[in-house]
Amino acid sequence: MALRGFLPSIVAAGALAATLAASGGAGALAAAHKAAALKPVHGGTLILARAEDAVSFDPIVPSDNGSIWTMLLIYEQLVRPNSAGTGVTPDLAQSWTITNGGKTYTFHLRPGVKFTNGMPVTSTDVAWSLSRAFHSANWGFLFPGKTQILTPNPDTVVFNLSTPDTAFVAKLGLYGCSILPEKVFKGAPESAFDHPIGSGPFELQSWQQNKQEVLVANPHYWDKPYPYLSKVILENIPNDNTRVLLARTGQAGVVTEIPYSQISALQHVPGLTVKTYKVGRVDMILMNNKVKPFNDPNVRLAINYAINREALIRTILYGVGARANAFLPPMLYNCPPSVCKGYDQNLALAKKYMAKSSVPHGFTTTLQIQAGLQDDEEVATIVQSELAQIGIKVKIQPLDIGTILTNNTDGKYQMQKGYMTTDIIDPSELTQFAGVGGSGDYAMWTFWNSPKLDRLATQVNEITSTSQRQSEYYQIQNIFNQAPPVVDLYYPPSVAAFQNYVHGFSLLETSNYQLWKVWLSPH
């Protein structure tokens, strides 16, 4: 979901959707027509360069996208979000029923599925894996109350919930609900997860931390003819310029997290397609409410009114993106600007709130950003300049992603640039993660809390009416917008570049990639 690095459909403005659809250019269209005339082939190695390394392959531990997007290639869940981000599709479960007033869920597993070590996937593996997730420190907040898990036979799992949960099926598509073999991992030390065993399309062959993960095709994978690729090498390269160079020179088949400033130039590179994808992502600046003066709502309001989001979109995103007016990204129940107004730059109001604050003459603070990311560096520089206008002196501190993550969860920061993506199609995950402050992840580890929001976040999952759920989520987002603990900046698309011999690559609404559907033509 990761808040960039943090631990976690789909509706977008018409103008944004049109921009994204057109952004691939004539070259992308021509490549698509050419690919359509070809038939997928098996074999080959894909090199994918990305910004973030994995930190753990234990499904209930990490919150970073480097780990999440790798695990989704190795493990399976009972269900997964569909490609459009509008619903769920069967994964390990081939069907399910909901009875008892929405409190009993019965899942029927696909017969004959095996883990990469050849062991069969059974209902006891599902029960153990999900019980572990439901009671974990990171994901227990998403599955409140008591859940009884029954395994009447090896292919059936029954969940008896203490209260109805409209989002329960969507939640089971979470990476934290990945299914592992109980006999291998029950009671095993955390280091055992350095050698993950799943039933997904790929298995981990090797992992060089801070460098790369090498995945190979799972010979037992049930969903034939996938995967097409024999091997995938995930190169973890935090420096934007280095990744862009790999795209230019063809040394990587796919390069993700392309800086927006490089889109136009890369579109003129022969044999390369550059494409933008609408994803459920919001970029933000967090403010640690445990640290003075960010515990003062007047300070947080002053900062929100001091930032010119439209200028950031023009400068950083080159006009591709939308102003963020709520903490939920473009997805189900994202609050529209007509209901959740968000913040526009108003220096007069910003100065008024500063004058009312505990630090009327300003203060000095530090903004942590991930080193090597051009867009984040530019955001920090602009924010530094704008906050100077209201007496706030900002020191910019570039750090590696591991330190950013640790500082976030340990509360060792004052301000921190990050982003948040959704892992499931329902807003319950990000609402619990980003909005609820009384437990779990303490509102993205900003340590802000609204008891009213906490109550609504629990109640909304018992509501079955779509219109009522929407109304409740709009209310939740408006509560968060009152002196929020973050500066929601913008909803950006994701940008990837891939060589024209790469076919079937795309980024989903949940920002990950289904590499088992990718294939390579001779090159």
Protein backbone atom coordinates (compact mmCIF):
# COMPACT_ATOMS: atom_id res chain seq x y z
CA MET A 1 0.00 0.00 0.00
CA ALA A 2 2.79 1.28 0.33
CA LEU A 3 3.29 4.58 1.48
CA ARG A 4 6.65 4.95 0.01
CA GLY A 5 7.59 3.60 1.40
CA PHE A 6 4.84 3.04 3.87
CA LEU A 7 2.86 -0.02 4.76
CA PRO A 8 -1.10 0.18 1.57
CA SER A 9 -11.78 1.08 -8.43
CA ILE A 10 -11.56 3.20 -9.94
CA VAL A 11 -12.63 6.52 -11.01
CA ALA A 12 -10.58 9.30 -12.57
CA ALA A 13 -11.37 12.65 -14.10
CA GLY A 14 -12.25 12.46 -17.77
CA ALA A 15 -9.44 14.83 -18.72
CA LEU A 16 -6.88 12.74 -16.88
CA ALA A 17 -8.12 9.51 -18.45
CA ALA A 18 -7.93 11.05 -21.91
CA THR A 19 -4.40 12.28 -21.28
CA LEU A 20 -3.26 8.86 -20.16
CA ALA A 21 -4.89 7.08 -23.06
CA ALA A 22 -3.10 9.32 -25.51
CA SER A 23 0.26 9.36 -23.81
CA GLY A 24 1.61 6.20 -25.41
CA GLY A 25 1.86 8.05 -28.71
CA ALA A 26 1.83 6.75 -32.28
CA GLY A 27 4.80 4.50 -31.57
CA ALA A 28 2.94 2.69 -28.82
CA LEU A 29 -0.11 2.25 -31.05
CA ALA A 30 1.97 0.84 -33.87
CA ALA A 31 3.72 -1.54 -31.48
CA ALA A 32 0.35 -2.69 -30.14
CA HIS A 33 -0.92 -3.50 -33.65
CA LYS A 34 2.30 -5.37 -34.43
CA ALA A 35 2.08 -7.36 -31.19
CA ALA A 36 -1.51 -8.31 -31.95
CA ALA A 37 -0.31 -10.06 -35.12
CA LEU A 38 2.18 -12.15 -33.15
CA LYS A 39 1.54 -15.21 -31.04
CA PRO A 40 2.97 -15.51 -27.52
CA VAL A 41 6.02 -17.72 -27.15
CA HIS A 42 7.58 -19.34 -24.12
CA GLY A 43 11.09 -18.70 -22.87
CA GLY A 44 13.45 -15.82 -22.45
CA THR A 45 14.65 -13.58 -19.63
CA LEU A 46 13.07 -10.22 -18.84
CA ILE A 47 15.12 -7.57 -17.04
CA LEU A 48 12.89 -5.09 -15.23
CA ALA A 49 14.55 -2.06 -13.61
CA ARG A 50 12.68 -0.40 -10.75
CA ALA A 51 13.41 2.02 -7.91
CA GLU A 52 12.82 -0.11 -4.81
CA ASP A 53 14.39 -3.26 -3.43
CA ALA A 54 12.44 -5.82 -1.44
CA VAL A 55 13.01 -5.93 2.31
CA SER A 56 11.11 -9.12 3.25
CA PHE A 57 9.14 -11.96 1.69
CA ASP A 58 7.06 -12.67 4.78
CA PRO A 59 3.58 -11.57 3.62
CA ILE A 60 2.56 -10.11 6.99
CA VAL A 61 5.72 -8.05 7.57
CA PRO A 62 6.63 -5.47 4.89
CA SER A 63 4.76 -2.42 3.66
CA ASP A 64 7.06 -1.32 0.85
CA ASN A 65 6.19 -1.77 -2.80
CA GLY A 66 9.48 -3.46 -3.64
CA SER A 67 8.47 -6.36 -1.40
CA ILE A 68 4.77 -6.27 -2.26
CA TRP A 69 5.15 -6.34 -6.02
CA THR A 70 7.68 -9.18 -5.82
CA MET A 71 5.54 -11.28 -3.49
CA LEU A 72 2.56 -10.94 -5.84
CA LEU A 73 4.64 -12.81 -8.45
CA ILE A 74 5.55 -15.59 -6.00
CA TYR A 75 2.48 -16.11 -3.84
CA GLU A 76 -1.22 -16.44 -4.55
CA GLN A 77 -4.25 -15.33 -2.58
CA LEU A 78 -7.78 -16.71 -2.60
CA VAL A 79 -8.80 -13.86 -4.92
CA ARG A 80 -7.03 -10.98 -6.61
CA PRO A 81 -8.09 -7.60 -8.02
CA ASN A 82 -9.12 -7.81 -11.64
CA SER A 83 -7.13 -6.04 -14.34
CA ALA A 84 -9.56 -3.13 -14.50
CA GLY A 85 -9.50 -2.58 -10.74
CA THR A 86 -13.30 -2.79 -10.56
CA GLY A 87 -13.75 -6.11 -8.80
CA VAL A 88 -12.04 -9.34 -7.79
CA THR A 89 -11.28 -12.42 -9.81
CA PRO A 90 -10.69 -16.01 -8.59
CA ASP A 91 -7.13 -16.99 -7.76
CA LEU A 92 -6.59 -20.03 -5.54
CA ALA A 93 -10.32 -20.08 -4.90
CA GLN A 94 -12.35 -21.02 -7.94
CA SER A 95 -15.68 -20.01 -6.35
CA TRP A 96 -17.26 -18.80 -3.11
CA THR A 97 -20.64 -18.21 -1.48
CA ILE A 98 -21.83 -15.70 1.14
CA THR A 99 -24.52 -16.77 3.61
CA ASN A 100 -25.77 -16.12 7.14
CA GLY A 101 -26.49 -12.45 6.57
CA GLY A 102 -23.01 -11.73 5.28
CA LYS A 103 -21.19 -13.44 8.16
CA THR A 104 -20.29 -16.80 6.57
CA TYR A 105 -17.99 -17.08 3.55
CA THR A 106 -17.33 -20.48 1.98
CA PHE A 107 -14.45 -20.77 -0.50
CA HIS A 108 -13.83 -23.73 -2.80
CA LEU A 109 -10.18 -24.17 -3.80
CA ARG A 110 -8.92 -25.14 -7.22
CA PRO A 111 -8.12 -28.87 -7.23
CA GLY A 112 -4.59 -30.07 -7.82
CA VAL A 113 -2.70 -26.80 -7.15
CA LYS A 114 0.85 -27.29 -5.87
CA PHE A 115 3.46 -25.14 -4.17
CA THR A 116 6.81 -24.72 -5.90
CA ASN A 117 8.24 -27.50 -3.72
CA GLY A 118 5.64 -29.92 -5.09
CA MET A 119 3.45 -30.02 -1.96
CA PRO A 120 -0.32 -29.74 -2.56
CA VAL A 121 -2.11 -26.57 -1.53
CA THR A 122 -4.81 -27.54 0.98
CA SER A 123 -7.44 -25.82 3.06
CA THR A 124 -5.24 -26.22 6.15
CA ASP A 125 -2.53 -24.14 4.45
CA VAL A 126 -5.13 -21.47 3.71
CA ALA A 127 -6.49 -21.53 7.27
CA TRP A 128 -3.02 -21.26 8.82
CA SER A 129 -1.84 -18.51 6.47
CA LEU A 130 -4.95 -16.38 6.93
CA SER A 131 -5.18 -16.89 10.67
CA ARG A 132 -1.61 -15.64 10.80
CA ALA A 133 -2.54 -12.56 8.74
CA PHE A 134 -5.73 -11.85 10.72
CA HIS A 135 -3.78 -11.77 13.98
CA SER A 136 -0.64 -10.04 12.73
CA ALA A 137 0.59 -6.68 14.01
CA ASN A 138 0.44 -5.16 10.53
CA TRP A 139 -2.89 -6.55 9.32
CA GLY A 140 -4.95 -7.30 12.41
CA PHE A 141 -6.51 -3.83 12.10
CA LEU A 142 -8.07 -4.83 8.77
CA PHE A 143 -9.77 -7.93 10.20
CA PRO A 144 -11.30 -6.83 13.53
CA GLY A 145 -13.45 -9.08 15.66
CA LYS A 146 -13.29 -12.84 15.89
CA THR A 147 -13.20 -15.02 12.79
CA GLN A 148 -13.65 -18.77 13.00
CA ILE A 149 -11.90 -20.66 10.17
CA LEU A 150 -13.11 -24.19 9.37
CA THR A 151 -11.67 -26.73 6.93
CA PRO A 152 -14.37 -29.36 6.33
CA ASN A 153 -12.30 -30.95 3.57
CA PRO A 154 -8.94 -30.29 1.81
CA ASP A 155 -10.60 -28.14 -0.87
CA THR A 156 -12.99 -26.05 1.26
CA VAL A 157 -12.43 -23.19 3.70
CA VAL A 158 -15.23 -21.60 5.72
CA PHE A 159 -14.96 -18.24 7.50
CA ASN A 160 -17.49 -17.42 10.20
CA LEU A 161 -17.27 -13.71 11.03
CA SER A 162 -18.55 -12.20 14.25
CA THR A 163 -20.05 -9.26 12.33
CA PRO A 164 -20.81 -8.74 8.63
CA ASP A 165 -17.97 -7.31 6.56
CA THR A 166 -18.94 -6.06 3.12
CA ALA A 167 -15.29 -5.74 2.11
CA PHE A 168 -14.18 -9.19 3.31
CA VAL A 169 -13.70 -10.78 -0.12
CA ALA A 170 -11.81 -7.75 -1.42
CA LYS A 171 -9.56 -7.82 1.65
CA LEU A 172 -8.59 -11.42 0.93
CA GLY A 173 -6.90 -10.17 -2.24
CA LEU A 174 -4.33 -8.40 -0.07
CA TYR A 175 -0.70 -9.51 -0.41
CA GLY A 176 -0.67 -10.04 3.37
CA CYS A 177 -3.22 -12.82 2.78
CA SER A 178 -0.85 -14.83 0.60
CA ILE A 179 -1.03 -18.60 1.05
CA LEU A 180 2.07 -20.47 2.26
CA PRO A 181 2.70 -24.13 3.12
CA GLU A 182 2.04 -24.51 6.85
CA LYS A 183 4.39 -27.50 7.21
CA VAL A 184 7.33 -25.42 5.97
CA PHE A 185 6.82 -22.12 7.77
CA LYS A 186 4.91 -22.87 10.98
CA GLY A 187 7.33 -22.19 13.82
CA ALA A 188 10.14 -21.32 11.40
CA PRO A 189 12.43 -18.35 12.10
CA GLU A 190 11.90 -15.13 10.15
CA SER A 191 15.01 -15.91 8.08
CA ALA A 192 13.10 -18.85 6.52
CA PHE A 193 11.14 -16.33 4.46
CA ASP A 194 14.32 -15.38 2.61
CA HIS A 195 13.50 -18.53 0.64
CA PRO A 196 9.77 -18.11 -0.02
CA ILE A 197 7.58 -20.97 -1.20
CA GLY A 198 4.31 -20.10 -2.89
CA SER A 199 2.04 -21.36 -5.64
CA GLY A 200 2.35 -18.32 -7.91
CA PRO A 201 3.71 -18.17 -11.46
CA PHE A 202 7.32 -17.64 -10.36
CA GLU A 203 9.64 -18.79 -7.62
CA LEU A 204 12.59 -16.94 -6.14
CA GLN A 205 15.91 -18.30 -7.39
CA SER A 206 18.18 -15.75 -5.70
CA TRP A 207 18.09 -12.45 -3.84
CA GLN A 208 20.97 -10.02 -3.60
CA GLN A 209 19.77 -7.34 -1.23
CA ASN A 210 20.03 -3.79 -2.55
CA LYS A 211 20.69 -5.21 -6.00
CA GLN A 212 18.29 -7.72 -7.56
CA GLU A 213 15.81 -10.56 -7.25
CA VAL A 214 15.95 -13.38 -9.79
CA LEU A 215 12.71 -15.28 -10.38
CA VAL A 216 12.23 -18.41 -12.48
CA ALA A 217 9.06 -19.99 -13.84
CA ASN A 218 7.15 -22.22 -11.45
CA PRO A 219 6.87 -25.61 -13.25
CA HIS A 220 3.82 -26.49 -11.12
CA TYR A 221 1.82 -23.34 -11.91
CA TRP A 222 -1.81 -24.24 -12.56
CA ASP A 223 -2.85 -21.43 -14.93
CA LYS A 224 -1.52 -22.65 -18.25
CA PRO A 225 -0.05 -21.42 -20.59
CA TYR A 226 1.41 -18.97 -18.06
CA PRO A 227 4.06 -17.96 -17.32
CA TYR A 228 5.57 -17.33 -20.72
CA LEU A 229 8.90 -16.12 -19.38
CA SER A 230 11.54 -18.54 -18.15
CA LYS A 231 13.22 -15.97 -15.92
CA VAL A 232 12.66 -12.46 -14.55
CA ILE A 233 15.46 -10.31 -13.15
CA LEU A 234 14.22 -7.43 -10.99
CA GLU A 235 17.04 -4.88 -10.90
CA ASN A 236 16.61 -2.47 -8.00
CA ILE A 237 18.05 0.89 -9.03
CA PRO A 238 16.98 3.88 -6.89
CA ASN A 239 18.69 6.46 -9.10
CA ASP A 240 16.34 7.84 -11.76
CA ASN A 241 19.09 8.74 -14.22
CA THR A 242 20.56 5.25 -14.11
CA ARG A 243 17.19 3.63 -14.77
CA VAL A 244 16.48 6.00 -17.66
CA LEU A 245 19.87 5.14 -19.17
CA LEU A 246 18.95 1.43 -19.09
CA ALA A 247 15.81 2.25 -21.04
CA ARG A 248 17.71 4.35 -23.59
CA THR A 249 20.41 1.74 -24.18
CA GLY A 250 18.08 -1.25 -24.17
CA GLN A 251 19.88 -2.92 -21.26
CA ALA A 252 16.52 -3.43 -19.52
CA GLY A 253 13.39 -4.76 -21.20
CA VAL A 254 11.14 -2.76 -18.86
CA VAL A 255 11.92 0.31 -16.74
CA THR A 256 9.35 1.57 -14.26
CA GLU A 257 9.03 4.84 -12.33
CA ILE A 258 10.18 6.96 -15.23
CA PRO A 259 10.47 10.65 -14.21
CA TYR A 260 7.78 12.77 -15.85
CA SER A 261 10.45 15.11 -17.20
CA GLN A 262 11.87 12.24 -19.27
CA ILE A 263 8.66 11.09 -20.96
CA SER A 264 8.94 13.29 -24.04
CA ALA A 265 12.62 12.51 -24.68
CA LEU A 266 12.18 8.75 -24.26
CA GLN A 267 9.25 8.70 -26.68
CA HIS A 268 11.77 9.51 -29.44
CA VAL A 269 14.08 6.57 -28.64
CA PRO A 270 13.84 3.96 -31.43
CA GLY A 271 12.42 0.63 -30.35
CA LEU A 272 11.11 1.99 -27.04
CA THR A 273 7.52 2.50 -25.94
CA VAL A 274 6.69 4.88 -23.09
CA LYS A 275 3.30 4.63 -21.48
CA THR A 276 1.45 6.18 -18.57
CA TYR A 277 -1.02 4.22 -16.45
CA LYS A 278 -3.85 5.40 -14.25
CA VAL A 279 -3.24 3.95 -10.78
CA GLY A 280 -4.68 4.32 -7.30
CA ARG A 281 -1.88 6.48 -5.88
CA VAL A 282 -1.65 9.70 -3.89
CA ASP A 283 1.59 11.60 -3.19
CA MET A 284 1.86 13.45 0.08
CA ILE A 285 4.02 15.00 2.77
CA LEU A 286 3.56 13.52 6.23
CA MET A 287 3.80 15.59 9.41
CA ASN A 288 4.70 13.79 12.64
CA ASN A 289 2.08 14.82 15.18
CA LYS A 290 4.23 13.54 18.06
CA VAL A 291 6.80 16.23 17.26
CA LYS A 292 6.24 19.89 18.07
CA PRO A 293 4.96 22.04 16.45
CA PHE A 294 3.15 19.56 14.17
CA ASN A 295 0.84 18.64 17.03
CA ASP A 296 -0.62 22.12 16.56
CA PRO A 297 -3.52 22.05 14.03
CA ASN A 298 -2.87 25.71 13.16
CA VAL A 299 0.61 24.80 11.93
CA ARG A 300 -0.73 21.94 9.81
CA LEU A 301 -3.41 24.18 8.31
CA ALA A 302 -0.85 26.90 7.57
CA ILE A 303 1.35 24.42 5.72
CA ASN A 304 -1.58 23.04 3.72
CA TYR A 305 -2.62 26.53 2.62
CA ALA A 306 0.97 27.48 1.73
CA ILE A 307 1.45 24.77 -0.92
CA ASN A 308 0.52 25.41 -4.56
CA ARG A 309 -0.56 21.98 -5.77
CA GLU A 310 -1.46 23.13 -9.28
CA ALA A 311 2.07 24.50 -9.71
CA LEU A 312 3.49 21.16 -8.55
CA ILE A 313 1.41 19.34 -11.16
CA ARG A 314 2.67 21.67 -13.90
CA THR A 315 6.29 21.53 -12.75
CA ILE A 316 6.70 17.95 -11.52
CA LEU A 317 4.08 16.00 -13.49
CA TYR A 318 4.29 18.14 -16.62
CA GLY A 319 0.53 18.59 -16.44
CA VAL A 320 -0.29 14.87 -16.28
CA GLY A 321 -2.14 14.23 -13.05
CA ALA A 322 -4.74 15.75 -10.78
CA ARG A 323 -4.73 17.81 -7.58
CA ALA A 324 -5.28 15.67 -4.49
CA ASN A 325 -8.27 16.77 -2.44
CA ALA A 326 -8.56 13.69 -0.17
CA PHE A 327 -6.38 10.92 1.25
CA LEU A 328 -8.05 8.21 -0.84
CA PRO A 329 -6.47 8.05 -4.31
CA PRO A 330 -8.55 7.67 -7.49
CA MET A 331 -10.46 4.50 -6.62
CA LEU A 332 -13.81 3.36 -5.29
CA TYR A 333 -15.41 6.10 -3.11
CA ASN A 334 -12.65 8.63 -3.67
CA CYS A 335 -14.30 11.88 -2.62
CA PRO A 336 -14.86 14.33 -5.52
CA PRO A 337 -13.72 17.98 -5.17
CA SER A 338 -17.34 19.10 -5.04
CA VAL A 339 -17.73 17.23 -1.73
CA CYS A 340 -14.19 17.22 -0.32
CA LYS A 341 -12.68 20.54 -1.31
CA GLY A 342 -9.13 19.97 -0.10
CA TYR A 343 -6.70 22.89 0.00
CA ASP A 344 -5.77 25.51 -2.56
CA GLN A 345 -2.87 27.86 -2.00
CA ASN A 346 -3.92 30.88 0.06
CA LEU A 347 -0.93 32.66 1.58
CA ALA A 348 -3.10 35.12 3.48
CA LEU A 349 -4.86 32.25 5.27
CA ALA A 350 -1.55 30.41 5.75
CA LYS A 351 -0.05 33.44 7.49
CA LYS A 352 -3.20 33.89 9.58
CA TYR A 353 -2.97 30.33 10.90
CA MET A 354 0.75 30.73 11.58
CA ALA A 355 0.03 33.88 13.59
CA LYS A 356 -2.52 31.92 15.68
CA SER A 357 -0.15 28.98 16.16
CA SER A 358 2.30 28.07 18.92
CA VAL A 359 5.14 29.25 16.64
CA PRO A 360 3.91 32.60 15.24
CA HIS A 361 7.43 33.64 14.24
CA GLY A 362 8.15 30.42 12.35
CA PHE A 363 10.44 27.47 12.98
CA THR A 364 13.04 25.20 11.37
CA THR A 365 12.24 21.64 10.34
CA THR A 366 13.62 18.78 8.26
CA LEU A 367 11.94 17.16 5.27
CA GLN A 368 13.12 13.60 4.56
CA ILE A 369 13.03 12.39 0.95
CA GLN A 370 14.23 9.27 -0.83
CA ALA A 371 17.65 9.89 -2.36
CA GLY A 372 18.00 9.56 -6.13
CA LEU A 373 14.40 10.32 -7.06
CA GLN A 374 14.36 13.42 -9.26
CA ASP A 375 10.65 14.13 -8.79
CA ASP A 376 10.89 14.00 -5.00
CA GLU A 377 13.92 16.26 -5.02
CA GLU A 378 12.00 18.83 -7.07
CA VAL A 379 8.94 18.58 -4.82
CA ALA A 380 11.11 19.17 -1.76
CA THR A 381 12.78 22.21 -3.32
CA ILE A 382 9.44 23.80 -4.24
CA VAL A 383 7.94 23.08 -0.82
CA GLN A 384 11.05 24.53 0.81
CA SER A 385 10.57 27.78 -1.14
CA GLU A 386 6.83 28.02 -0.47
CA LEU A 387 7.06 27.36 3.27
CA ALA A 388 9.76 30.01 3.57
CA GLN A 389 7.05 32.54 2.70
CA ILE A 390 5.29 31.81 6.02
CA GLY A 391 8.42 31.68 8.16
CA ILE A 392 9.17 27.95 8.03
CA LYS A 393 12.75 27.05 7.20
CA VAL A 394 12.97 23.58 5.65
CA LYS A 395 16.13 21.50 5.54
CA ILE A 396 16.02 18.72 2.92
CA GLN A 397 17.45 15.36 4.00
CA PRO A 398 17.87 12.70 1.27
CA LEU A 399 17.96 9.15 2.69
CA ASP A 400 17.94 5.61 1.32
CA ILE A 401 14.57 3.87 1.17
CA GLY A 402 15.41 1.51 4.05
CA THR A 403 16.10 4.41 6.39
CA ILE A 404 12.97 6.22 5.21
CA LEU A 405 10.86 3.17 6.05
CA THR A 406 12.45 2.66 9.45
CA ASN A 407 12.20 6.33 10.39
CA ASN A 408 8.55 6.35 9.37
CA THR A 409 7.43 3.42 11.50
CA ASP A 410 9.66 4.49 14.41
CA GLY A 411 8.37 8.06 14.27
CA LYS A 412 11.87 9.42 13.70
CA TYR A 413 10.97 12.21 11.34
CA GLN A 414 9.44 15.67 11.34
CA MET A 415 8.24 15.86 7.73
CA GLN A 416 8.58 13.11 5.15
CA LYS A 417 7.74 12.86 1.45
CA GLY A 418 5.92 9.69 0.55
CA TYR A 419 3.14 8.16 -1.46
CA MET A 420 0.42 5.63 -0.88
CA THR A 421 -1.02 3.06 -3.26
CA THR A 422 -3.97 0.75 -2.85
CA ASP A 423 -3.51 -3.03 -2.74
CA ILE A 424 -7.19 -3.95 -3.00
CA ILE A 425 -10.22 -2.52 -4.80
CA ASP A 426 -12.06 -1.50 -1.62
CA PRO A 427 -11.18 1.67 0.36
CA SER A 428 -11.30 -0.16 3.70
CA GLU A 429 -7.58 -0.93 3.57
CA LEU A 430 -6.36 2.62 3.04
CA THR A 431 -8.98 4.05 5.39
CA GLN A 432 -7.79 1.82 8.20
CA PHE A 433 -4.16 2.43 7.32
CA ALA A 434 -4.19 6.15 6.61
CA GLY A 435 -7.20 7.44 8.53
CA VAL A 436 -7.49 5.40 11.71
CA GLY A 437 -5.11 6.77 14.33
CA GLY A 438 -6.12 5.01 17.51
CA SER A 439 -4.48 1.68 16.64
CA GLY A 440 -2.68 -0.26 13.93
CA ASP A 441 -0.48 2.03 11.88
CA TYR A 442 -1.54 5.23 13.66
CA ALA A 443 -2.69 7.13 10.57
CA MET A 444 0.38 6.33 8.46
CA TRP A 445 2.54 6.76 11.55
CA THR A 446 1.69 10.44 11.75
CA PHE A 447 0.21 9.66 15.20
CA TRP A 448 -2.86 11.79 14.45
CA ASN A 449 -6.21 10.57 15.70
CA SER A 450 -9.90 11.33 15.34
CA PRO A 451 -12.09 9.02 17.48
CA LYS A 452 -15.08 9.88 15.28
CA LEU A 453 -13.24 8.78 12.15
CA ASP A 454 -12.13 5.59 13.91
CA ARG A 455 -15.76 4.73 14.73
CA LEU A 456 -16.98 5.39 11.20
CA ALA A 457 -14.16 3.33 9.69
CA THR A 458 -15.36 0.32 11.69
CA GLN A 459 -19.07 0.90 11.07
CA VAL A 460 -18.79 1.36 7.30
CA ASN A 461 -17.76 -2.25 6.73
CA GLU A 462 -21.09 -3.48 8.10
CA ILE A 463 -23.06 -1.41 5.58
CA THR A 464 -24.28 -3.23 2.47
CA SER A 465 -25.90 -0.28 0.67
CA THR A 466 -23.54 1.11 -1.97
CA SER A 467 -24.91 4.64 -1.69
CA GLN A 468 -24.67 4.60 2.09
CA ARG A 469 -21.10 3.28 2.02
CA GLN A 470 -20.20 6.06 -0.41
CA SER A 471 -21.73 8.68 1.87
CA GLU A 472 -19.86 7.31 4.88
CA TYR A 473 -16.53 7.28 3.04
CA TYR A 474 -17.07 10.87 1.89
CA GLN A 475 -17.68 11.82 5.51
CA ILE A 476 -14.53 10.01 6.62
CA GLN A 477 -12.42 11.87 4.07
CA ASN A 478 -13.89 15.21 5.09
CA ILE A 479 -13.11 14.52 8.75
CA PHE A 480 -9.52 13.74 7.79
CA ASN A 481 -9.34 17.00 5.83
CA GLN A 482 -9.88 19.05 9.00
CA ALA A 483 -6.31 20.09 9.93
CA PRO A 484 -4.98 16.87 8.37
CA PRO A 485 -1.67 15.28 9.43
CA VAL A 486 -0.49 15.26 5.82
CA VAL A 487 -0.27 17.54 2.83
CA ASP A 488 -2.03 15.62 0.06
CA LEU A 489 -0.30 16.85 -3.10
CA TYR A 490 -1.52 15.11 -6.25
CA TYR A 491 -2.80 11.94 -7.87
CA PRO A 492 -0.08 10.98 -10.37
CA PRO A 493 -0.09 8.33 -13.08
CA SER A 494 2.71 5.77 -13.19
CA VAL A 495 5.09 5.77 -16.14
CA ALA A 496 6.95 2.79 -17.60
CA ALA A 497 9.14 2.33 -20.66
CA PHE A 498 9.58 -1.01 -22.41
CA GLN A 499 11.41 -2.29 -25.45
CA ASN A 500 9.26 -3.21 -28.43
CA TYR A 501 10.18 -6.88 -28.11
CA VAL A 502 8.31 -6.93 -24.77
CA HIS A 503 4.63 -7.82 -25.14
CA GLY A 504 1.78 -7.94 -22.64
CA PHE A 505 3.30 -5.61 -20.07
CA SER A 506 1.05 -3.24 -18.14
CA LEU A 507 0.62 -1.70 -14.72
CA LEU A 508 -2.61 -2.47 -12.91
CA GLU A 509 -4.75 0.00 -10.98
CA THR A 510 -3.03 -1.40 -7.87
CA SER A 511 0.34 -0.39 -9.41
CA ASN A 512 1.79 -3.92 -9.63
CA TYR A 513 2.55 -5.95 -12.75
CA GLN A 514 1.43 -9.41 -13.85
CA LEU A 515 4.69 -10.51 -15.43
CA TRP A 516 3.44 -14.04 -16.01
CA LYS A 517 1.44 -12.63 -18.94
CA VAL A 518 4.50 -10.97 -20.53
CA TRP A 519 6.34 -12.59 -23.41
CA LEU A 520 9.29 -11.68 -25.61
CA SER A 521 9.61 -11.75 -29.38
CA PRO A 522 13.03 -12.47 -30.96
CA HIS A 523 15.41 -9.54 -30.66
